């Protein structure tokens, strides 16, 4: 594993990037800033192809609000009304998405410098989040580990707390397997028959909706663009796909199939222990160098706004418990 200077924060703090490489020739560049995947090179005929959106230096990330390749936390995705109740006490959070909180708030984990601990072929990144950070209770210690296994990148998350809190972690990588300007021709398979229904603010209503007979159904491999503009309230609210697909009613003991994505002669298989998969079709991407719908996110995570829906899988973490989660992305020719 090699490292190099990625840039400096405005206060002068140095940020490093680390390069991982597997025996198959796959490589990844991970930066301390936001524990981000900045580049993911996959072997293809004649060389290697970068399949994720990112930058080769720190400065553009400092003004980026799209969470490119970042670990989103403390709480990935949206929290309705920027509030939640835990053990009878209400907690108010900073709103950064209308009246809601998105990806942990305006100073979430994507905007922190993580401590790096290279260990052989594994890069371990750690972060201490103090009690009250972004309004969340409990002092939290988080670790994210990246390693390459052949043509797969494996992401392991772990966390402990000293007081009851809530936690939902994911990586917000944007994927484009072809290197072209659009992913609408990419073919997607999601083996899930249900999604969590949303309101116009993209906050779950509590309803679990069957996808059968709708443009939300990817149980048979389908081009992303084939039905993205068909009439459907959930597509209308997100300007395309921005939905949590129900994979299970609780976290799984081992990673299981969440999705496959095909394009540009590559197939990406997503496996996760998480009970949900967020599929986002890049509806809000804009501005150079990334065009509208030029990449997709397929994020293993808990259901959006789970902490405000008791029927959803719990995201509560208590002292003495250890949060653990794994998601991996495997790339094959196809």
C-alpha atoms as a PDB file:
ATOM      1  CA  UNK A   1       0.000   0.000   0.000  1.00  0.00           C
ATOM      2  CA  UNK A   2       1.289   3.437  -0.954  1.00  0.00           C
ATOM      3  CA  UNK A   3       0.281   6.891   0.246  1.00  0.00           C
ATOM      4  CA  UNK A   4       0.653  10.410  -1.072  1.00  0.00           C
ATOM      5  CA  UNK A   5      -0.336  13.919  -0.079  1.00  0.00           C
ATOM      6  CA  UNK A   6      -3.868  14.570  -1.351  1.00  0.00           C
ATOM      7  CA  UNK A   7      -4.078  18.214  -0.268  1.00  0.00           C
ATOM      8  CA  UNK A   8      -4.533  20.560   2.674  1.00  0.00           C
ATOM      9  CA  UNK A   9      -7.632  21.798   4.478  1.00  0.00           C
ATOM     10  CA  UNK A  10      -8.008  25.599   4.778  1.00  0.00           C
ATOM     11  CA  UNK A  11      -6.542  25.368   8.299  1.00  0.00           C
ATOM     12  CA  UNK A  12      -3.422  23.680   6.926  1.00  0.00           C
ATOM     13  CA  UNK A  13      -4.265  20.122   7.964  1.00  0.00           C
ATOM     14  CA  UNK A  14      -2.603  17.652   5.592  1.00  0.00           C
ATOM     15  CA  UNK A  15      -4.810  14.973   4.041  1.00  0.00           C
ATOM     16  CA  UNK A  16      -3.338  11.747   2.693  1.00  0.00           C
ATOM     17  CA  UNK A  17      -4.614   9.349   0.049  1.00  0.00           C
ATOM     18  CA  UNK A  18      -3.824   5.635   0.034  1.00  0.00           C
ATOM     19  CA  UNK A  19      -3.529   3.330  -2.960  1.00  0.00           C
ATOM     20  CA  UNK A  20      -4.597  -0.294  -2.672  1.00  0.00           C
ATOM     21  CA  UNK A  21      -3.883  -2.860  -5.379  1.00  0.00           C
ATOM     22  CA  UNK A  22      -4.944  -6.485  -5.782  1.00  0.00           C
ATOM     23  CA  UNK A  23      -3.201  -9.380  -7.492  1.00  0.00           C
ATOM     24  CA  UNK A  24      -5.635  -9.082 -10.432  1.00  0.00           C
ATOM     25  CA  UNK A  25      -4.615  -5.476 -11.155  1.00  0.00           C
ATOM     26  CA  UNK A  26      -7.651  -3.801  -9.589  1.00  0.00           C
ATOM     27  CA  UNK A  27      -6.747  -0.682  -7.603  1.00  0.00           C
ATOM     28  CA  UNK A  28      -8.478   1.809  -5.316  1.00  0.00           C
ATOM     29  CA  UNK A  29      -7.526   5.244  -4.025  1.00  0.00           C
ATOM     30  CA  UNK A  30      -8.967   6.090  -0.615  1.00  0.00           C
ATOM     31  CA  UNK A  31      -8.590   9.478   1.038  1.00  0.00           C
ATOM     32  CA  UNK A  32      -8.679  10.429   4.712  1.00  0.00           C
ATOM     33  CA  UNK A  33     -11.184  13.190   3.930  1.00  0.00           C
ATOM     34  CA  UNK A  34     -14.573  11.575   4.412  1.00  0.00           C
ATOM     35  CA  UNK A  35     -13.010   8.092   4.118  1.00  0.00           C
ATOM     36  CA  UNK A  36     -13.811   8.508   0.424  1.00  0.00           C
ATOM     37  CA  UNK A  37     -13.249   6.226  -2.514  1.00  0.00           C
ATOM     38  CA  UNK A  38     -11.660   8.706  -4.927  1.00  0.00           C
ATOM     39  CA  UNK A  39     -10.880   6.230  -7.699  1.00  0.00           C
ATOM     40  CA  UNK A  40     -11.641   2.581  -8.452  1.00  0.00           C
ATOM     41  CA  UNK A  41      -9.768   1.094 -11.402  1.00  0.00           C
ATOM     42  CA  UNK A  42     -11.048  -2.221 -12.758  1.00  0.00           C
ATOM     43  CA  UNK A  43      -9.064  -4.319 -15.288  1.00  0.00           C
ATOM     44  CA  UNK A  44     -10.607  -4.383 -18.761  1.00  0.00           C
ATOM     45  CA  UNK A  45      -9.286  -5.444 -22.153  1.00  0.00           C
ATOM     46  CA  UNK A  46      -6.381  -3.198 -22.985  1.00  0.00           C
ATOM     47  CA  UNK A  47      -5.930  -1.654 -19.553  1.00  0.00           C
ATOM     48  CA  UNK A  48      -8.055  -0.415 -16.628  1.00  0.00           C
ATOM     49  CA  UNK A  49     -11.197   1.681 -16.313  1.00  0.00           C
ATOM     50  CA  UNK A  50     -12.210   4.027 -13.503  1.00  0.00           C
ATOM     51  CA  UNK A  51     -15.770   3.050 -12.566  1.00  0.00           C
ATOM     52  CA  UNK A  52     -16.544   5.643  -9.890  1.00  0.00           C
ATOM     53  CA  UNK A  53     -16.873   9.425  -9.832  1.00  0.00           C
ATOM     54  CA  UNK A  54     -14.218  11.329  -7.938  1.00  0.00           C
ATOM     55  CA  UNK A  55     -11.352  13.813  -7.986  1.00  0.00           C
ATOM     56  CA  UNK A  56      -7.582  13.377  -7.942  1.00  0.00           C
ATOM     57  CA  UNK A  57      -7.001  16.106  -5.337  1.00  0.00           C
ATOM     58  CA  UNK A  58      -8.665  17.410  -2.181  1.00  0.00           C
ATOM     59  CA  UNK A  59      -9.774  20.900  -3.165  1.00  0.00           C
ATOM     60  CA  UNK A  60     -12.869  20.009  -5.264  1.00  0.00           C
ATOM     61  CA  UNK A  61     -14.220  17.842  -2.439  1.00  0.00           C
ATOM     62  CA  UNK A  62     -14.250  20.788  -0.028  1.00  0.00           C
ATOM     63  CA  UNK A  63     -17.114  22.450  -1.909  1.00  0.00           C
ATOM     64  CA  UNK A  64     -18.846  19.273  -3.072  1.00  0.00           C
ATOM     65  CA  UNK A  65     -22.284  18.515  -1.612  1.00  0.00           C
ATOM     66  CA  UNK A  66     -22.864  15.233  -3.447  1.00  0.00           C
ATOM     67  CA  UNK A  67     -20.959  13.049  -0.963  1.00  0.00           C
ATOM     68  CA  UNK A  68     -18.871  11.574  -3.781  1.00  0.00           C
ATOM     69  CA  UNK A  69     -17.448   8.250  -2.573  1.00  0.00           C
ATOM     70  CA  UNK A  70     -17.814   9.268   1.068  1.00  0.00           C
ATOM     71  CA  UNK A  71     -18.856   7.408   4.186  1.00  0.00           C
ATOM     72  CA  UNK A  72     -22.209   8.980   5.103  1.00  0.00           C
ATOM     73  CA  UNK A  73     -22.876   9.249   8.837  1.00  0.00           C
ATOM     74  CA  UNK A  74     -23.694   9.376  11.597  1.00  0.00           C
ATOM     75  CA  UNK A  75     -26.933   8.694   9.820  1.00  0.00           C
ATOM     76  CA  UNK A  76     -27.024   7.950   6.094  1.00  0.00           C
ATOM     77  CA  UNK A  77     -29.935   9.232   4.019  1.00  0.00           C
ATOM     78  CA  UNK A  78     -32.753  11.455   5.281  1.00  0.00           C
ATOM     79  CA  UNK A  79     -34.205  12.017   8.739  1.00  0.00           C
ATOM     80  CA  UNK A  80     -37.678  13.513   8.527  1.00  0.00           C
ATOM     81  CA  UNK A  81     -38.171  16.833  10.269  1.00  0.00           C
ATOM     82  CA  UNK A  82     -34.549  16.791  11.457  1.00  0.00           C
ATOM     83  CA  UNK A  83     -35.606  15.104  14.671  1.00  0.00           C
ATOM     84  CA  UNK A  84     -36.085  11.723  16.347  1.00  0.00           C
ATOM     85  CA  UNK A  85     -37.068  10.306  19.729  1.00  0.00           C
ATOM     86  CA  UNK A  86     -34.949   7.792  21.622  1.00  0.00           C
ATOM     87  CA  UNK A  87     -35.889   6.346  25.006  1.00  0.00           C
ATOM     88  CA  UNK A  88     -38.566   9.017  25.423  1.00  0.00           C
ATOM     89  CA  UNK A  89     -36.315  11.991  24.689  1.00  0.00           C
ATOM     90  CA  UNK A  90     -36.550  14.047  21.517  1.00  0.00           C
ATOM     91  CA  UNK A  91     -33.360  15.072  19.741  1.00  0.00           C
ATOM     92  CA  UNK A  92     -33.229  17.973  17.287  1.00  0.00           C
ATOM     93  CA  UNK A  93     -30.711  17.924  14.465  1.00  0.00           C
ATOM     94  CA  UNK A  94     -29.423  20.568  12.038  1.00  0.00           C
ATOM     95  CA  UNK A  95     -31.461  20.565   8.830  1.00  0.00           C
ATOM     96  CA  UNK A  96     -29.502  20.570   5.567  1.00  0.00           C
ATOM     97  CA  UNK A  97     -32.084  19.242   3.112  1.00  0.00           C
ATOM     98  CA  UNK A  98     -35.080  21.549   3.363  1.00  0.00           C
ATOM     99  CA  UNK A  99     -36.505  20.866   6.794  1.00  0.00           C
ATOM    100  CA  UNK A 100     -34.824  17.441   6.968  1.00  0.00           C
ATOM    101  CA  UNK A 101     -31.363  16.132   7.859  1.00  0.00           C
ATOM    102  CA  UNK A 102     -29.373  14.408   5.113  1.00  0.00           C
ATOM    103  CA  UNK A 103     -26.363  12.102   5.603  1.00  0.00           C
ATOM    104  CA  UNK A 104     -25.672  13.163   9.177  1.00  0.00           C
ATOM    105  CA  UNK A 105     -26.097  16.906   8.766  1.00  0.00           C
ATOM    106  CA  UNK A 106     -23.984  19.742   7.350  1.00  0.00           C
ATOM    107  CA  UNK A 107     -20.869  18.596   9.220  1.00  0.00           C
ATOM    108  CA  UNK A 108     -21.324  14.854   8.860  1.00  0.00           C
ATOM    109  CA  UNK A 109     -18.691  12.164   8.523  1.00  0.00           C
ATOM    110  CA  UNK A 110     -18.125  12.968   4.837  1.00  0.00           C
ATOM    111  CA  UNK A 111     -16.459  16.233   5.882  1.00  0.00           C
ATOM    112  CA  UNK A 112     -14.111  14.891   8.561  1.00  0.00           C
ATOM    113  CA  UNK A 113     -10.493  13.835   8.366  1.00  0.00           C
ATOM    114  CA  UNK A 114     -10.336  10.217   9.480  1.00  0.00           C
ATOM    115  CA  UNK A 115      -7.273   8.681  11.124  1.00  0.00           C
ATOM    116  CA  UNK A 116      -5.584   6.190   8.804  1.00  0.00           C
ATOM    117  CA  UNK A 117      -4.101   2.897   9.947  1.00  0.00           C
ATOM    118  CA  UNK A 118      -2.653   0.912   7.023  1.00  0.00           C
ATOM    119  CA  UNK A 119      -2.326  -2.764   7.929  1.00  0.00           C
ATOM    120  CA  UNK A 120      -0.891  -4.949   5.209  1.00  0.00           C
ATOM    121  CA  UNK A 121      -3.485  -5.028   2.431  1.00  0.00           C
ATOM    122  CA  UNK A 122      -6.212  -3.414   4.558  1.00  0.00           C
ATOM    123  CA  UNK A 123      -6.722   0.306   5.113  1.00  0.00           C
ATOM    124  CA  UNK A 124      -8.415   1.009   8.442  1.00  0.00           C
ATOM    125  CA  UNK A 125      -9.875   4.485   8.968  1.00  0.00           C
ATOM    126  CA  UNK A 126     -11.169   5.576  12.381  1.00  0.00           C
ATOM    127  CA  UNK A 127     -13.172   8.512  13.664  1.00  0.00           C
ATOM    128  CA  UNK A 128     -14.306   9.660  17.106  1.00  0.00           C
ATOM    129  CA  UNK A 129     -17.662  11.433  17.113  1.00  0.00           C
ATOM    130  CA  UNK A 130     -18.267  13.146  20.491  1.00  0.00           C
ATOM    131  CA  UNK A 131     -21.537  13.210  22.395  1.00  0.00           C
ATOM    132  CA  UNK A 132     -23.827  15.832  20.828  1.00  0.00           C
ATOM    133  CA  UNK A 133     -22.045  15.771  17.455  1.00  0.00           C
ATOM    134  CA  UNK A 134     -24.564  17.151  14.911  1.00  0.00           C
ATOM    135  CA  UNK A 135     -27.194  16.735  17.643  1.00  0.00           C
ATOM    136  CA  UNK A 136     -26.767  12.968  18.075  1.00  0.00           C
ATOM    137  CA  UNK A 137     -26.361  11.512  21.578  1.00  0.00           C
ATOM    138  CA  UNK A 138     -23.476   9.368  22.792  1.00  0.00           C
ATOM    139  CA  UNK A 139     -19.775   9.418  22.087  1.00  0.00           C
ATOM    140  CA  UNK A 140     -19.231   7.144  19.100  1.00  0.00           C
ATOM    141  CA  UNK A 141     -16.078   5.405  17.872  1.00  0.00           C
ATOM    142  CA  UNK A 142     -16.290   4.316  14.233  1.00  0.00           C
ATOM    143  CA  UNK A 143     -13.970   2.243  12.072  1.00  0.00           C
ATOM    144  CA  UNK A 144     -14.190   1.607   8.322  1.00  0.00           C
ATOM    145  CA  UNK A 145     -11.908  -0.904   6.629  1.00  0.00           C
ATOM    146  CA  UNK A 146     -11.250  -1.130   2.892  1.00  0.00           C
ATOM    147  CA  UNK A 147      -9.527  -4.056   1.210  1.00  0.00           C
ATOM    148  CA  UNK A 148      -9.372  -5.487  -2.277  1.00  0.00           C
ATOM    149  CA  UNK A 149     -10.127  -9.160  -2.812  1.00  0.00           C
ATOM    150  CA  UNK A 150      -9.401 -10.043  -6.421  1.00  0.00           C
ATOM    151  CA  UNK A 151     -11.763  -7.848  -8.438  1.00  0.00           C
ATOM    152  CA  UNK A 152     -13.881  -6.875  -5.430  1.00  0.00           C
ATOM    153  CA  UNK A 153     -13.691  -4.007  -2.967  1.00  0.00           C
ATOM    154  CA  UNK A 154     -14.832  -5.008   0.517  1.00  0.00           C
ATOM    155  CA  UNK A 155     -16.035  -2.369   2.996  1.00  0.00           C
ATOM    156  CA  UNK A 156     -16.388  -3.267   6.673  1.00  0.00           C
ATOM    157  CA  UNK A 157     -17.955  -0.921   9.208  1.00  0.00           C
ATOM    158  CA  UNK A 158     -17.781  -1.145  13.005  1.00  0.00           C
ATOM    159  CA  UNK A 159     -18.843   1.174  15.830  1.00  0.00           C
ATOM    160  CA  UNK A 160     -19.332   1.346  19.592  1.00  0.00           C
ATOM    161  CA  UNK A 161     -20.982   3.968  21.791  1.00  0.00           C
ATOM    162  CA  UNK A 162     -20.924   5.019  25.446  1.00  0.00           C
ATOM    163  CA  UNK A 163     -24.632   5.975  25.511  1.00  0.00           C
ATOM    164  CA  UNK A 164     -27.738   4.963  23.534  1.00  0.00           C
ATOM    165  CA  UNK A 165     -27.649   6.425  20.043  1.00  0.00           C
ATOM    166  CA  UNK A 166     -28.702   5.752  16.447  1.00  0.00           C
ATOM    167  CA  UNK A 167     -26.434   4.838  13.558  1.00  0.00           C
ATOM    168  CA  UNK A 168     -26.765   4.188   9.832  1.00  0.00           C
ATOM    169  CA  UNK A 169     -23.555   3.997   7.784  1.00  0.00           C
ATOM    170  CA  UNK A 170     -23.008   3.540   4.056  1.00  0.00           C
ATOM    171  CA  UNK A 171     -20.612   4.486   1.287  1.00  0.00           C
ATOM    172  CA  UNK A 172     -21.954   7.003  -1.228  1.00  0.00           C
ATOM    173  CA  UNK A 173     -19.935   5.869  -4.264  1.00  0.00           C
ATOM    174  CA  UNK A 174     -21.294   6.803  -7.687  1.00  0.00           C
ATOM    175  CA  UNK A 175     -20.759   4.119 -10.345  1.00  0.00           C
ATOM    176  CA  UNK A 176     -20.530   4.293 -14.118  1.00  0.00           C
ATOM    177  CA  UNK A 177     -19.260   1.060 -15.645  1.00  0.00           C
ATOM    178  CA  UNK A 178     -18.892   2.275 -19.228  1.00  0.00           C
ATOM    179  CA  UNK A 179     -17.173   5.645 -18.867  1.00  0.00           C
ATOM    180  CA  UNK A 180     -19.886   7.210 -21.042  1.00  0.00           C
ATOM    181  CA  UNK A 181     -21.899  10.302 -20.120  1.00  0.00           C
ATOM    182  CA  UNK A 182     -25.061   8.432 -19.119  1.00  0.00           C
ATOM    183  CA  UNK A 183     -25.979   5.290 -17.202  1.00  0.00           C
ATOM    184  CA  UNK A 184     -29.493   4.985 -18.623  1.00  0.00           C
ATOM    185  CA  UNK A 185     -28.393   2.055 -20.821  1.00  0.00           C
ATOM    186  CA  UNK A 186     -26.889   0.194 -17.856  1.00  0.00           C
ATOM    187  CA  UNK A 187     -28.949  -2.894 -17.018  1.00  0.00           C
ATOM    188  CA  UNK A 188     -29.963  -3.308 -13.370  1.00  0.00           C
ATOM    189  CA  UNK A 189     -31.227  -6.283 -11.396  1.00  0.00           C
ATOM    190  CA  UNK A 190     -32.511  -5.851  -7.835  1.00  0.00           C
ATOM    191  CA  UNK A 191     -33.994  -9.054  -6.352  1.00  0.00           C
ATOM    192  CA  UNK A 192     -36.498  -7.194  -4.174  1.00  0.00           C
ATOM    193  CA  UNK A 193     -40.273  -6.983  -4.468  1.00  0.00           C
ATOM    194  CA  UNK A 194     -40.755  -4.077  -2.060  1.00  0.00           C
ATOM    195  CA  UNK A 195     -39.749  -0.454  -1.534  1.00  0.00           C
ATOM    196  CA  UNK A 196     -40.379   2.001   1.281  1.00  0.00           C
ATOM    197  CA  UNK A 197     -42.910   4.530  -0.055  1.00  0.00           C
ATOM    198  CA  UNK A 198     -42.012   8.231   0.161  1.00  0.00           C
ATOM    199  CA  UNK A 199     -43.674  11.608   0.359  1.00  0.00           C
ATOM    200  CA  UNK A 200     -42.773  14.623  -1.765  1.00  0.00           C
ATOM    201  CA  UNK A 201     -39.821  15.409   0.556  1.00  0.00           C
ATOM    202  CA  UNK A 202     -38.413  11.897  -0.024  1.00  0.00           C
ATOM    203  CA  UNK A 203     -39.249  10.898   3.554  1.00  0.00           C
ATOM    204  CA  UNK A 204     -40.797   7.447   4.107  1.00  0.00           C
ATOM    205  CA  UNK A 205     -44.492   7.396   4.913  1.00  0.00           C
ATOM    206  CA  UNK A 206     -44.194   4.047   6.715  1.00  0.00           C
ATOM    207  CA  UNK A 207     -45.871   2.156   3.876  1.00  0.00           C
ATOM    208  CA  UNK A 208     -44.008  -0.782   2.339  1.00  0.00           C
ATOM    209  CA  UNK A 209     -45.080  -0.895  -1.305  1.00  0.00           C
ATOM    210  CA  UNK A 210     -45.004  -3.837  -3.719  1.00  0.00           C
ATOM    211  CA  UNK A 211     -43.171  -3.051  -6.965  1.00  0.00           C
ATOM    212  CA  UNK A 212     -45.057  -5.551  -9.138  1.00  0.00           C
ATOM    213  CA  UNK A 213     -46.541  -3.943 -12.230  1.00  0.00           C
ATOM    214  CA  UNK A 214     -44.667  -0.656 -11.711  1.00  0.00           C
ATOM    215  CA  UNK A 215     -41.523   0.922 -13.222  1.00  0.00           C
ATOM    216  CA  UNK A 216     -39.848   0.284  -9.851  1.00  0.00           C
ATOM    217  CA  UNK A 217     -39.619  -3.460 -10.509  1.00  0.00           C
ATOM    218  CA  UNK A 218     -36.080  -4.648 -11.339  1.00  0.00           C
ATOM    219  CA  UNK A 219     -36.555  -8.307 -10.454  1.00  0.00           C
ATOM    220  CA  UNK A 220     -35.914  -8.986 -14.123  1.00  0.00           C
ATOM    221  CA  UNK A 221     -32.767  -7.231 -15.462  1.00  0.00           C
ATOM    222  CA  UNK A 222     -33.924  -3.964 -17.038  1.00  0.00           C
ATOM    223  CA  UNK A 223     -32.208  -0.908 -18.501  1.00  0.00           C
ATOM    224  CA  UNK A 224     -32.285   1.942 -15.994  1.00  0.00           C
ATOM    225  CA  UNK A 225     -33.640   4.351 -18.587  1.00  0.00           C
ATOM    226  CA  UNK A 226     -36.347   2.026 -19.909  1.00  0.00           C
ATOM    227  CA  UNK A 227     -39.057   3.235 -17.504  1.00  0.00           C
ATOM    228  CA  UNK A 228     -37.461   6.098 -15.570  1.00  0.00           C
ATOM    229  CA  UNK A 229     -39.841   8.689 -17.035  1.00  0.00           C
ATOM    230  CA  UNK A 230     -43.030   6.646 -16.735  1.00  0.00           C
ATOM    231  CA  UNK A 231     -45.830   8.039 -14.525  1.00  0.00           C
ATOM    232  CA  UNK A 232     -45.244   7.025 -10.918  1.00  0.00           C
ATOM    233  CA  UNK A 233     -45.462   9.150  -7.793  1.00  0.00           C
ATOM    234  CA  UNK A 234     -42.229   7.799  -6.287  1.00  0.00           C
ATOM    235  CA  UNK A 235     -40.298   8.495  -9.479  1.00  0.00           C
ATOM    236  CA  UNK A 236     -41.844  11.944  -9.709  1.00  0.00           C
ATOM    237  CA  UNK A 237     -40.813  12.872  -6.170  1.00  0.00           C
ATOM    238  CA  UNK A 238     -37.165  11.919  -6.752  1.00  0.00           C
ATOM    239  CA  UNK A 239     -36.880  13.061 -10.357  1.00  0.00           C
ATOM    240  CA  UNK A 240     -36.014   9.443 -11.133  1.00  0.00           C
ATOM    241  CA  UNK A 241     -34.981   6.552  -8.932  1.00  0.00           C
ATOM    242  CA  UNK A 242     -34.097   7.518  -5.364  1.00  0.00           C
ATOM    243  CA  UNK A 243     -35.575   4.643  -3.406  1.00  0.00           C
ATOM    244  CA  UNK A 244     -34.856   2.193  -0.632  1.00  0.00           C
ATOM    245  CA  UNK A 245     -35.428  -1.391  -1.736  1.00  0.00           C
ATOM    246  CA  UNK A 246     -36.320  -3.814   1.061  1.00  0.00           C
ATOM    247  CA  UNK A 247     -33.850  -6.704   1.067  1.00  0.00           C
ATOM    248  CA  UNK A 248     -34.667  -8.160   4.485  1.00  0.00           C
ATOM    249  CA  UNK A 249     -36.490  -7.369   7.697  1.00  0.00           C
ATOM    250  CA  UNK A 250     -33.234  -7.290   9.697  1.00  0.00           C
ATOM    251  CA  UNK A 251     -29.483  -7.229   9.008  1.00  0.00           C
ATOM    252  CA  UNK A 252     -28.098 -10.490   7.604  1.00  0.00           C
ATOM    253  CA  UNK A 253     -25.287 -12.500   9.186  1.00  0.00           C
ATOM    254  CA  UNK A 254     -23.352 -12.638   5.904  1.00  0.00           C
ATOM    255  CA  UNK A 255     -23.408 -10.502   2.754  1.00  0.00           C
ATOM    256  CA  UNK A 256     -26.198 -11.499   0.377  1.00  0.00           C
ATOM    257  CA  UNK A 257     -27.056 -10.405  -3.140  1.00  0.00           C
ATOM    258  CA  UNK A 258     -28.478  -6.889  -3.303  1.00  0.00           C
ATOM    259  CA  UNK A 259     -28.074  -5.960  -6.976  1.00  0.00           C
ATOM    260  CA  UNK A 260     -26.196  -6.502 -10.210  1.00  0.00           C
ATOM    261  CA  UNK A 261     -25.387  -3.707 -12.637  1.00  0.00           C
ATOM    262  CA  UNK A 262     -24.179  -4.300 -16.208  1.00  0.00           C
ATOM    263  CA  UNK A 263     -22.655  -1.847 -18.661  1.00  0.00           C
ATOM    264  CA  UNK A 264     -19.612  -1.269 -20.824  1.00  0.00           C
ATOM    265  CA  UNK A 265     -18.686  -4.946 -20.826  1.00  0.00           C
ATOM    266  CA  UNK A 266     -18.589  -5.118 -17.013  1.00  0.00           C
ATOM    267  CA  UNK A 267     -20.913  -6.593 -14.407  1.00  0.00           C
ATOM    268  CA  UNK A 268     -20.883  -5.189 -10.866  1.00  0.00           C
ATOM    269  CA  UNK A 269     -22.381  -7.426  -8.186  1.00  0.00           C
ATOM    270  CA  UNK A 270     -23.403  -5.810  -4.896  1.00  0.00           C
ATOM    271  CA  UNK A 271     -23.621  -7.894  -1.726  1.00  0.00           C
ATOM    272  CA  UNK A 272     -24.427  -6.549   1.717  1.00  0.00           C
ATOM    273  CA  UNK A 273     -25.412  -7.526   5.240  1.00  0.00           C
ATOM    274  CA  UNK A 274     -27.670  -4.475   5.396  1.00  0.00           C
ATOM    275  CA  UNK A 275     -31.478  -4.870   5.188  1.00  0.00           C
ATOM    276  CA  UNK A 276     -31.936  -2.156   2.553  1.00  0.00           C
ATOM    277  CA  UNK A 277     -30.455  -0.971  -0.731  1.00  0.00           C
ATOM    278  CA  UNK A 278     -30.697   2.668  -1.803  1.00  0.00           C
ATOM    279  CA  UNK A 279     -30.836   2.963  -5.590  1.00  0.00           C
ATOM    280  CA  UNK A 280     -30.184   6.504  -6.802  1.00  0.00           C
ATOM    281  CA  UNK A 281     -30.003   7.285 -10.517  1.00  0.00           C
ATOM    282  CA  UNK A 282     -27.988  10.516 -10.272  1.00  0.00           C
ATOM    283  CA  UNK A 283     -31.041  12.748 -10.666  1.00  0.00           C
ATOM    284  CA  UNK A 284     -29.400  15.703  -8.946  1.00  0.00           C
ATOM    285  CA  UNK A 285     -25.969  15.417 -10.521  1.00  0.00           C
ATOM    286  CA  UNK A 286     -25.147  18.554 -12.451  1.00  0.00           C
ATOM    287  CA  UNK A 287     -22.208  20.713 -13.398  1.00  0.00           C
ATOM    288  CA  UNK A 288     -18.839  19.783 -14.824  1.00  0.00           C
ATOM    289  CA  UNK A 289     -17.313  17.314 -14.788  1.00  0.00           C
ATOM    290  CA  UNK A 290     -20.360  15.169 -13.876  1.00  0.00           C
ATOM    291  CA  UNK A 291     -23.482  15.262 -16.006  1.00  0.00           C
ATOM    292  CA  UNK A 292     -27.087  14.579 -15.061  1.00  0.00           C
ATOM    293  CA  UNK A 293     -27.711  10.837 -14.576  1.00  0.00           C
ATOM    294  CA  UNK A 294     -24.093  10.047 -15.375  1.00  0.00           C
ATOM    295  CA  UNK A 295     -23.730   7.588 -12.483  1.00  0.00           C
ATOM    296  CA  UNK A 296     -25.760   5.531 -10.026  1.00  0.00           C
ATOM    297  CA  UNK A 297     -25.494   4.767  -6.331  1.00  0.00           C
ATOM    298  CA  UNK A 298     -26.297   1.318  -4.953  1.00  0.00           C
ATOM    299  CA  UNK A 299     -25.862   1.689  -1.209  1.00  0.00           C
ATOM    300  CA  UNK A 300     -26.262  -1.060   1.363  1.00  0.00           C
ATOM    301  CA  UNK A 301     -27.899   0.599   4.386  1.00  0.00           C
ATOM    302  CA  UNK A 302     -30.852   0.577   6.771  1.00  0.00           C
ATOM    303  CA  UNK A 303     -34.145   1.924   5.489  1.00  0.00           C
ATOM    304  CA  UNK A 304     -34.354   5.693   5.191  1.00  0.00           C
ATOM    305  CA  UNK A 305     -35.644   7.412   8.362  1.00  0.00           C
ATOM    306  CA  UNK A 306     -35.762   4.088  10.240  1.00  0.00           C
ATOM    307  CA  UNK A 307     -35.299   5.862  13.538  1.00  0.00           C
ATOM    308  CA  UNK A 308     -38.763   7.472  13.141  1.00  0.00           C
ATOM    309  CA  UNK A 309     -40.529   4.255  12.091  1.00  0.00           C
ATOM    310  CA  UNK A 310     -40.684   1.573  14.818  1.00  0.00           C
ATOM    311  CA  UNK A 311     -41.795  -1.061  12.293  1.00  0.00           C
ATOM    312  CA  UNK A 312     -38.567  -0.634  10.293  1.00  0.00           C
ATOM    313  CA  UNK A 313     -35.373  -2.499  11.316  1.00  0.00           C
ATOM    314  CA  UNK A 314     -33.905  -0.701  14.316  1.00  0.00           C
ATOM    315  CA  UNK A 315     -30.844   1.530  14.034  1.00  0.00           C
ATOM    316  CA  UNK A 316     -30.437   1.947  17.804  1.00  0.00           C
ATOM    317  CA  UNK A 317     -26.958   1.198  19.169  1.00  0.00           C
ATOM    318  CA  UNK A 318     -26.455   0.835  22.924  1.00  0.00           C
ATOM    319  CA  UNK A 319     -23.405   0.632  25.201  1.00  0.00           C
ATOM    320  CA  UNK A 320     -21.916  -2.855  25.215  1.00  0.00           C
ATOM    321  CA  UNK A 321     -23.138  -3.543  21.683  1.00  0.00           C
ATOM    322  CA  UNK A 322     -20.960  -3.481  18.570  1.00  0.00           C
ATOM    323  CA  UNK A 323     -22.300  -2.305  15.245  1.00  0.00           C
ATOM    324  CA  UNK A 324     -20.892  -4.349  12.362  1.00  0.00           C
ATOM    325  CA  UNK A 325     -21.754  -4.256   8.670  1.00  0.00           C
ATOM    326  CA  UNK A 326     -20.196  -5.355   5.371  1.00  0.00           C
ATOM    327  CA  UNK A 327     -20.842  -4.366   1.768  1.00  0.00           C
ATOM    328  CA  UNK A 328     -18.796  -5.469  -1.215  1.00  0.00           C
ATOM    329  CA  UNK A 329     -18.743  -4.623  -4.902  1.00  0.00           C
ATOM    330  CA  UNK A 330     -17.385  -7.288  -7.261  1.00  0.00           C
ATOM    331  CA  UNK A 331     -16.527  -6.665 -10.918  1.00  0.00           C
ATOM    332  CA  UNK A 332     -16.533  -9.276 -13.676  1.00  0.00           C
ATOM    333  CA  UNK A 333     -16.413  -9.240 -17.448  1.00  0.00           C
ATOM    334  CA  UNK A 334     -19.830  -9.582 -18.990  1.00  0.00           C
END
